[in-house]
Amino acid sequence: MIPETFSERIRIAYSSPQSLTASLVPRFTAIYSDAMRSLAITFASPLASHQAVGVELLEGILAVNGRPFEPWAFVFSTGD
């Protein structure tokens, strides 16, 4: 992946019904490791408890060979 292409192409938001009462998702940093072929997302402060959090990798992310990465999304839940 070309690390620079992740900039402005990651969307994270609360997606559970309780999200109307939750605050905004904290600021985050995303660092791509070429050696590990992984993207590490770190939040500036803890996420709200008992929330579903949606993460989207948007169109425009490119592989090293210039091939576009298919947009992709997943959801996880926070605990206490």
PDB file of N, CA and C in Angstrom:
ATOM      1  N   MET A   1       0.836  -1.167   0.000  1.00  0.00           N
ATOM      2  CA  MET A   1       0.000   0.000   0.000  1.00  0.00           C
ATOM      3  C   MET A   1       0.894   1.247   0.000  1.00  0.00           C
ATOM      4  N   ILE A   2       0.382   2.294  -0.548  1.00  0.00           N
ATOM      5  CA  ILE A   2       1.082   3.580  -0.522  1.00  0.00           C
ATOM      6  C   ILE A   2       0.539   4.341   0.689  1.00  0.00           C
ATOM      7  N   PRO A   3       1.340   4.466   1.758  1.00  0.00           N
ATOM      8  CA  PRO A   3       0.845   5.052   3.011  1.00  0.00           C
ATOM      9  C   PRO A   3       0.154   6.398   2.856  1.00  0.00           C
ATOM     10  N   GLU A   4       0.656   7.242   1.976  1.00  0.00           N
ATOM     11  CA  GLU A   4       0.086   8.582   1.823  1.00  0.00           C
ATOM     12  C   GLU A   4      -1.362   8.540   1.329  1.00  0.00           C
ATOM     13  N   THR A   5      -1.746   7.456   0.670  1.00  0.00           N
ATOM     14  CA  THR A   5      -3.096   7.400   0.117  1.00  0.00           C
ATOM     15  C   THR A   5      -4.163   7.102   1.179  1.00  0.00           C
ATOM     16  N   PHE A   6      -3.750   6.761   2.395  1.00  0.00           N
ATOM     17  CA  PHE A   6      -4.712   6.558   3.477  1.00  0.00           C
ATOM     18  C   PHE A   6      -5.241   7.893   4.007  1.00  0.00           C
ATOM     19  N   SER A   7      -4.479   8.950   3.850  1.00  0.00           N
ATOM     20  CA  SER A   7      -4.862  10.260   4.374  1.00  0.00           C
ATOM     21  C   SER A   7      -6.229  10.680   3.836  1.00  0.00           C
ATOM     22  N   GLU A   8      -7.117  11.054   4.742  1.00  0.00           N
ATOM     23  CA  GLU A   8      -8.473  11.514   4.414  1.00  0.00           C
ATOM     24  C   GLU A   8      -9.342  10.422   3.780  1.00  0.00           C
ATOM     25  N   ARG A   9      -8.909   9.170   3.876  1.00  0.00           N
ATOM     26  CA  ARG A   9      -9.689   8.082   3.281  1.00  0.00           C
ATOM     27  C   ARG A   9     -10.067   7.026   4.314  1.00  0.00           C
ATOM     28  N   ILE A  10     -10.072   7.427   5.578  1.00  0.00           N
ATOM     29  CA  ILE A  10     -10.514   6.556   6.663  1.00  0.00           C
ATOM     30  C   ILE A  10     -11.629   7.281   7.391  1.00  0.00           C
ATOM     31  N   ARG A  11     -12.773   6.623   7.498  1.00  0.00           N
ATOM     32  CA  ARG A  11     -13.914   7.225   8.196  1.00  0.00           C
ATOM     33  C   ARG A  11     -14.265   6.314   9.367  1.00  0.00           C
ATOM     34  N   ILE A  12     -14.374   6.921  10.558  1.00  0.00           N
ATOM     35  CA  ILE A  12     -14.730   6.170  11.755  1.00  0.00           C
ATOM     36  C   ILE A  12     -15.862   6.907  12.452  1.00  0.00           C
ATOM     37  N   ALA A  13     -16.903   6.153  12.819  1.00  0.00           N
ATOM     38  CA  ALA A  13     -18.057   6.774  13.479  1.00  0.00           C
ATOM     39  C   ALA A  13     -18.763   5.741  14.347  1.00  0.00           C
ATOM     40  N   TYR A  14     -19.445   6.215  15.374  1.00  0.00           N
ATOM     41  CA  TYR A  14     -20.306   5.335  16.160  1.00  0.00           C
ATOM     42  C   TYR A  14     -21.483   4.950  15.280  1.00  0.00           C
ATOM     43  N   SER A  15     -21.900   3.685  15.346  1.00  0.00           N
ATOM     44  CA  SER A  15     -22.983   3.241  14.469  1.00  0.00           C
ATOM     45  C   SER A  15     -24.082   2.477  15.195  1.00  0.00           C
ATOM     46  N   SER A  16     -24.067   2.508  16.517  1.00  0.00           N
ATOM     47  CA  SER A  16     -25.107   1.812  17.271  1.00  0.00           C
ATOM     48  C   SER A  16     -26.263   2.756  17.559  1.00  0.00           C
ATOM     49  N   PRO A  17     -27.447   2.206  17.898  1.00  0.00           N
ATOM     50  CA  PRO A  17     -28.592   3.069  18.211  1.00  0.00           C
ATOM     51  C   PRO A  17     -28.298   4.050  19.350  1.00  0.00           C
ATOM     52  N   GLN A  18     -27.448   3.646  20.291  1.00  0.00           N
ATOM     53  CA  GLN A  18     -27.094   4.529  21.399  1.00  0.00           C
ATOM     54  C   GLN A  18     -26.173   5.663  20.958  1.00  0.00           C
ATOM     55  N   SER A  19     -25.712   5.613  19.707  1.00  0.00           N
ATOM     56  CA  SER A  19     -24.738   6.609  19.244  1.00  0.00           C
ATOM     57  C   SER A  19     -25.307   8.022  19.245  1.00  0.00           C
ATOM     58  N   LEU A  20     -26.628   8.147  19.276  1.00  0.00           N
ATOM     59  CA  LEU A  20     -27.227   9.487  19.331  1.00  0.00           C
ATOM     60  C   LEU A  20     -26.865  10.198  20.625  1.00  0.00           C
ATOM     61  N   THR A  21     -26.618   9.427  21.685  1.00  0.00           N
ATOM     62  CA  THR A  21     -26.252  10.027  22.966  1.00  0.00           C
ATOM     63  C   THR A  21     -24.733  10.038  23.176  1.00  0.00           C
ATOM     64  N   ALA A  22     -23.998   9.348  22.323  1.00  0.00           N
ATOM     65  CA  ALA A  22     -22.538   9.302  22.454  1.00  0.00           C
ATOM     66  C   ALA A  22     -21.918  10.547  21.833  1.00  0.00           C
ATOM     67  N   SER A  23     -20.765  10.884  22.332  1.00  0.00           N
ATOM     68  CA  SER A  23     -20.046  12.020  21.757  1.00  0.00           C
ATOM     69  C   SER A  23     -19.416  11.599  20.429  1.00  0.00           C
ATOM     70  N   LEU A  24     -18.757  12.514  19.773  1.00  0.00           N
ATOM     71  CA  LEU A  24     -18.067  12.195  18.529  1.00  0.00           C
ATOM     72  C   LEU A  24     -16.907  11.246  18.805  1.00  0.00           C
ATOM     73  N   VAL A  25     -16.543  10.486  17.792  1.00  0.00           N
ATOM     74  CA  VAL A  25     -15.377   9.608  17.911  1.00  0.00           C
ATOM     75  C   VAL A  25     -14.153  10.492  18.120  1.00  0.00           C
ATOM     76  N   PRO A  26     -13.272  10.120  19.063  1.00  0.00           N
ATOM     77  CA  PRO A  26     -12.071  10.937  19.286  1.00  0.00           C
ATOM     78  C   PRO A  26     -11.189  11.002  18.040  1.00  0.00           C
ATOM     79  N   ARG A  27     -10.373  12.022  17.993  1.00  0.00           N
ATOM     80  CA  ARG A  27      -9.388  12.128  16.911  1.00  0.00           C
ATOM     81  C   ARG A  27      -8.538  10.866  16.910  1.00  0.00           C
ATOM     82  N   PHE A  28      -8.021  10.527  15.748  1.00  0.00           N
ATOM     83  CA  PHE A  28      -7.213   9.317  15.649  1.00  0.00           C
ATOM     84  C   PHE A  28      -6.065   9.526  14.676  1.00  0.00           C
ATOM     85  N   THR A  29      -5.063   8.685  14.824  1.00  0.00           N
ATOM     86  CA  THR A  29      -3.966   8.638  13.858  1.00  0.00           C
ATOM     87  C   THR A  29      -3.978   7.239  13.252  1.00  0.00           C
ATOM     88  N   ALA A  30      -3.561   7.148  12.018  1.00  0.00           N
ATOM     89  CA  ALA A  30      -3.480   5.873  11.326  1.00  0.00           C
ATOM     90  C   ALA A  30      -2.098   5.764  10.701  1.00  0.00           C
ATOM     91  N   ILE A  31      -1.397   4.688  11.030  1.00  0.00           N
ATOM     92  CA  ILE A  31      -0.042   4.483  10.516  1.00  0.00           C
ATOM     93  C   ILE A  31       0.018   3.125   9.830  1.00  0.00           C
ATOM     94  N   TYR A  32       0.415   3.141   8.567  1.00  0.00           N
ATOM     95  CA  TYR A  32       0.554   1.898   7.810  1.00  0.00           C
ATOM     96  C   TYR A  32       1.978   1.373   7.957  1.00  0.00           C
ATOM     97  N   SER A  33       2.111   0.083   8.293  1.00  0.00           N
ATOM     98  CA  SER A  33       3.411  -0.569   8.388  1.00  0.00           C
ATOM     99  C   SER A  33       3.599  -1.453   7.170  1.00  0.00           C
ATOM    100  N   ASP A  34       4.541  -1.089   6.325  1.00  0.00           N
ATOM    101  CA  ASP A  34       4.813  -1.874   5.134  1.00  0.00           C
ATOM    102  C   ASP A  34       5.353  -3.247   5.512  1.00  0.00           C
ATOM    103  N   ALA A  35       6.199  -3.298   6.527  1.00  0.00           N
ATOM    104  CA  ALA A  35       6.796  -4.560   6.956  1.00  0.00           C
ATOM    105  C   ALA A  35       5.743  -5.548   7.457  1.00  0.00           C
ATOM    106  N   MET A  36       4.745  -5.049   8.173  1.00  0.00           N
ATOM    107  CA  MET A  36       3.695  -5.904   8.730  1.00  0.00           C
ATOM    108  C   MET A  36       2.459  -5.960   7.836  1.00  0.00           C
ATOM    109  N   ARG A  37       2.430  -5.080   6.822  1.00  0.00           N
ATOM    110  CA  ARG A  37       1.256  -4.970   5.948  1.00  0.00           C
ATOM    111  C   ARG A  37      -0.008  -4.785   6.778  1.00  0.00           C
ATOM    112  N   SER A  38       0.079  -3.826   7.685  1.00  0.00           N
ATOM    113  CA  SER A  38      -1.053  -3.571   8.575  1.00  0.00           C
ATOM    114  C   SER A  38      -1.225  -2.072   8.796  1.00  0.00           C
ATOM    115  N   LEU A  39      -2.441  -1.701   9.162  1.00  0.00           N
ATOM    116  CA  LEU A  39      -2.776  -0.322   9.462  1.00  0.00           C
ATOM    117  C   LEU A  39      -3.124  -0.252  10.942  1.00  0.00           C
ATOM    118  N   ALA A  40      -2.381   0.547  11.703  1.00  0.00           N
ATOM    119  CA  ALA A  40      -2.643   0.722  13.132  1.00  0.00           C
ATOM    120  C   ALA A  40      -3.375   2.034  13.338  1.00  0.00           C
ATOM    121  N   ILE A  41      -4.546   1.955  13.952  1.00  0.00           N
ATOM    122  CA  ILE A  41      -5.338   3.149  14.253  1.00  0.00           C
ATOM    123  C   ILE A  41      -5.288   3.362  15.752  1.00  0.00           C
ATOM    124  N   THR A  42      -4.878   4.550  16.165  1.00  0.00           N
ATOM    125  CA  THR A  42      -4.757   4.897  17.579  1.00  0.00           C
ATOM    126  C   THR A  42      -5.613   6.119  17.854  1.00  0.00           C
ATOM    127  N   PHE A  43      -6.457   6.024  18.879  1.00  0.00           N
ATOM    128  CA  PHE A  43      -7.338   7.128  19.236  1.00  0.00           C
ATOM    129  C   PHE A  43      -6.687   8.018  20.283  1.00  0.00           C
ATOM    130  N   ALA A  44      -6.959   9.320  20.219  1.00  0.00           N
ATOM    131  CA  ALA A  44      -6.376  10.295  21.145  1.00  0.00           C
ATOM    132  C   ALA A  44      -6.926  10.124  22.556  1.00  0.00           C
ATOM    133  N   SER A  45      -8.135   9.587  22.672  1.00  0.00           N
ATOM    134  CA  SER A  45      -8.745   9.316  23.973  1.00  0.00           C
ATOM    135  C   SER A  45      -9.627   8.081  23.812  1.00  0.00           C
ATOM    136  N   PRO A  46     -10.043   7.490  24.926  1.00  0.00           N
ATOM    137  CA  PRO A  46     -10.835   6.253  24.821  1.00  0.00           C
ATOM    138  C   PRO A  46     -12.161   6.455  24.083  1.00  0.00           C
ATOM    139  N   LEU A  47     -12.570   5.410  23.399  1.00  0.00           N
ATOM    140  CA  LEU A  47     -13.879   5.412  22.756  1.00  0.00           C
ATOM    141  C   LEU A  47     -14.962   5.285  23.819  1.00  0.00           C
ATOM    142  N   ALA A  48     -16.180   5.736  23.506  1.00  0.00           N
ATOM    143  CA  ALA A  48     -17.305   5.618  24.431  1.00  0.00           C
ATOM    144  C   ALA A  48     -17.610   4.131  24.657  1.00  0.00           C
ATOM    145  N   SER A  49     -18.051   3.805  25.851  1.00  0.00           N
ATOM    146  CA  SER A  49     -18.347   2.406  26.166  1.00  0.00           C
ATOM    147  C   SER A  49     -19.682   1.980  25.571  1.00  0.00           C
ATOM    148  N   HIS A  50     -19.799   0.678  25.366  1.00  0.00           N
ATOM    149  CA  HIS A  50     -21.032   0.049  24.865  1.00  0.00           C
ATOM    150  C   HIS A  50     -21.516   0.647  23.552  1.00  0.00           C
ATOM    151  N   GLN A  51     -20.602   0.828  22.620  1.00  0.00           N
ATOM    152  CA  GLN A  51     -20.940   1.404  21.320  1.00  0.00           C
ATOM    153  C   GLN A  51     -20.462   0.493  20.193  1.00  0.00           C
ATOM    154  N   ALA A  52     -21.200   0.486  19.106  1.00  0.00           N
ATOM    155  CA  ALA A  52     -20.721  -0.125  17.868  1.00  0.00           C
ATOM    156  C   ALA A  52     -19.961   0.966  17.120  1.00  0.00           C
ATOM    157  N   VAL A  53     -18.799   0.621  16.640  1.00  0.00           N
ATOM    158  CA  VAL A  53     -17.950   1.592  15.942  1.00  0.00           C
ATOM    159  C   VAL A  53     -17.704   1.082  14.528  1.00  0.00           C
ATOM    160  N   GLY A  54     -18.054   1.903  13.542  1.00  0.00           N
ATOM    161  CA  GLY A  54     -17.835   1.541  12.153  1.00  0.00           C
ATOM    162  C   GLY A  54     -16.560   2.166  11.617  1.00  0.00           C
ATOM    163  N   VAL A  55     -15.783   1.370  10.913  1.00  0.00           N
ATOM    164  CA  VAL A  55     -14.532   1.840  10.298  1.00  0.00           C
ATOM    165  C   VAL A  55     -14.651   1.587   8.799  1.00  0.00           C
ATOM    166  N   GLU A  56     -14.423   2.626   8.008  1.00  0.00           N
ATOM    167  CA  GLU A  56     -14.489   2.505   6.553  1.00  0.00           C
ATOM    168  C   GLU A  56     -13.168   2.945   5.936  1.00  0.00           C
ATOM    169  N   LEU A  57     -12.656   2.123   5.043  1.00  0.00           N
ATOM    170  CA  LEU A  57     -11.510   2.493   4.214  1.00  0.00           C
ATOM    171  C   LEU A  57     -12.100   2.858   2.865  1.00  0.00           C
ATOM    172  N   LEU A  58     -11.970   4.113   2.503  1.00  0.00           N
ATOM    173  CA  LEU A  58     -12.684   4.674   1.362  1.00  0.00           C
ATOM    174  C   LEU A  58     -11.911   4.528   0.053  1.00  0.00           C
ATOM    175  N   GLU A  59     -12.587   4.805  -1.028  1.00  0.00           N
ATOM    176  CA  GLU A  59     -11.998   4.765  -2.359  1.00  0.00           C
ATOM    177  C   GLU A  59     -10.816   5.730  -2.452  1.00  0.00           C
ATOM    178  N   GLY A  60      -9.767   5.313  -3.157  1.00  0.00           N
ATOM    179  CA  GLY A  60      -8.608   6.179  -3.365  1.00  0.00           C
ATOM    180  C   GLY A  60      -7.332   5.661  -2.725  1.00  0.00           C
ATOM    181  N   ILE A  61      -7.445   4.604  -1.923  1.00  0.00           N
ATOM    182  CA  ILE A  61      -6.255   3.988  -1.332  1.00  0.00           C
ATOM    183  C   ILE A  61      -5.611   3.120  -2.411  1.00  0.00           C
ATOM    184  N   LEU A  62      -4.289   3.246  -2.554  1.00  0.00           N
ATOM    185  CA  LEU A  62      -3.591   2.547  -3.633  1.00  0.00           C
ATOM    186  C   LEU A  62      -2.545   1.575  -3.115  1.00  0.00           C
ATOM    187  N   ALA A  63      -2.398   0.456  -3.826  1.00  0.00           N
ATOM    188  CA  ALA A  63      -1.320  -0.489  -3.563  1.00  0.00           C
ATOM    189  C   ALA A  63      -0.033   0.068  -4.166  1.00  0.00           C
ATOM    190  N   VAL A  64       1.076  -0.521  -3.812  1.00  0.00           N
ATOM    191  CA  VAL A  64       2.381  -0.067  -4.309  1.00  0.00           C
ATOM    192  C   VAL A  64       2.426  -0.106  -5.836  1.00  0.00           C
ATOM    193  N   ASN A  65       1.750  -1.063  -6.438  1.00  0.00           N
ATOM    194  CA  ASN A  65       1.760  -1.165  -7.903  1.00  0.00           C
ATOM    195  C   ASN A  65       0.760  -0.208  -8.561  1.00  0.00           C
ATOM    196  N   GLY A  66       0.112   0.640  -7.754  1.00  0.00           N
ATOM    197  CA  GLY A  66      -0.828   1.617  -8.277  1.00  0.00           C
ATOM    198  C   GLY A  66      -2.254   1.113  -8.402  1.00  0.00           C
ATOM    199  N   ARG A  67      -2.447  -0.145  -8.102  1.00  0.00           N
ATOM    200  CA  ARG A  67      -3.794  -0.727  -8.189  1.00  0.00           C
ATOM    201  C   ARG A  67      -4.647  -0.219  -7.033  1.00  0.00           C
ATOM    202  N   PRO A  68      -5.892   0.178  -7.306  1.00  0.00           N
ATOM    203  CA  PRO A  68      -6.751   0.694  -6.234  1.00  0.00           C
ATOM    204  C   PRO A  68      -7.204  -0.405  -5.279  1.00  0.00           C
ATOM    205  N   PHE A  69      -7.264  -0.045  -4.026  1.00  0.00           N
ATOM    206  CA  PHE A  69      -7.767  -0.916  -2.963  1.00  0.00           C
ATOM    207  C   PHE A  69      -9.291  -0.799  -2.964  1.00  0.00           C
ATOM    208  N   GLU A  70      -9.990  -1.911  -2.961  1.00  0.00           N
ATOM    209  CA  GLU A  70     -11.452  -1.882  -2.923  1.00  0.00           C
ATOM    210  C   GLU A  70     -11.914  -1.297  -1.590  1.00  0.00           C
ATOM    211  N   PRO A  71     -12.852  -0.363  -1.605  1.00  0.00           N
ATOM    212  CA  PRO A  71     -13.388   0.165  -0.344  1.00  0.00           C
ATOM    213  C   PRO A  71     -13.848  -0.996   0.538  1.00  0.00           C
ATOM    214  N   TRP A  72     -13.650  -0.839   1.840  1.00  0.00           N
ATOM    215  CA  TRP A  72     -13.892  -1.937   2.776  1.00  0.00           C
ATOM    216  C   TRP A  72     -14.344  -1.353   4.099  1.00  0.00           C
ATOM    217  N   ALA A  73     -15.167  -2.068   4.813  1.00  0.00           N
ATOM    218  CA  ALA A  73     -15.669  -1.572   6.103  1.00  0.00           C
ATOM    219  C   ALA A  73     -15.847  -2.718   7.077  1.00  0.00           C
ATOM    220  N   PHE A  74     -15.768  -2.388   8.359  1.00  0.00           N
ATOM    221  CA  PHE A  74     -16.073  -3.354   9.406  1.00  0.00           C
ATOM    222  C   PHE A  74     -16.609  -2.604  10.616  1.00  0.00           C
ATOM    223  N   VAL A  75     -17.253  -3.358  11.513  1.00  0.00           N
ATOM    224  CA  VAL A  75     -17.828  -2.780  12.739  1.00  0.00           C
ATOM    225  C   VAL A  75     -17.328  -3.611  13.914  1.00  0.00           C
ATOM    226  N   PHE A  76     -16.986  -2.935  15.004  1.00  0.00           N
ATOM    227  CA  PHE A  76     -16.645  -3.626  16.248  1.00  0.00           C
ATOM    228  C   PHE A  76     -17.377  -2.953  17.390  1.00  0.00           C
ATOM    229  N   SER A  77     -17.468  -3.619  18.522  1.00  0.00           N
ATOM    230  CA  SER A  77     -18.157  -3.080  19.682  1.00  0.00           C
ATOM    231  C   SER A  77     -17.184  -2.815  20.817  1.00  0.00           C
ATOM    232  N   THR A  78     -17.425  -1.735  21.535  1.00  0.00           N
ATOM    233  CA  THR A  78     -16.612  -1.417  22.701  1.00  0.00           C
ATOM    234  C   THR A  78     -17.258  -2.016  23.937  1.00  0.00           C
ATOM    235  N   GLY A  79     -16.476  -2.250  24.951  1.00  0.00           N
ATOM    236  CA  GLY A  79     -16.983  -2.795  26.208  1.00  0.00           C
ATOM    237  C   GLY A  79     -17.169  -1.696  27.223  1.00  0.00           C
ATOM    238  N   ASP A  80     -16.853  -2.032  28.476  1.00  0.00           N
ATOM    239  CA  ASP A  80     -17.008  -1.056  29.575  1.00  0.00           C
ATOM    240  C   ASP A  80     -15.960   0.024  29.527  1.00  0.00           C
TER     241      ASP A  80
END
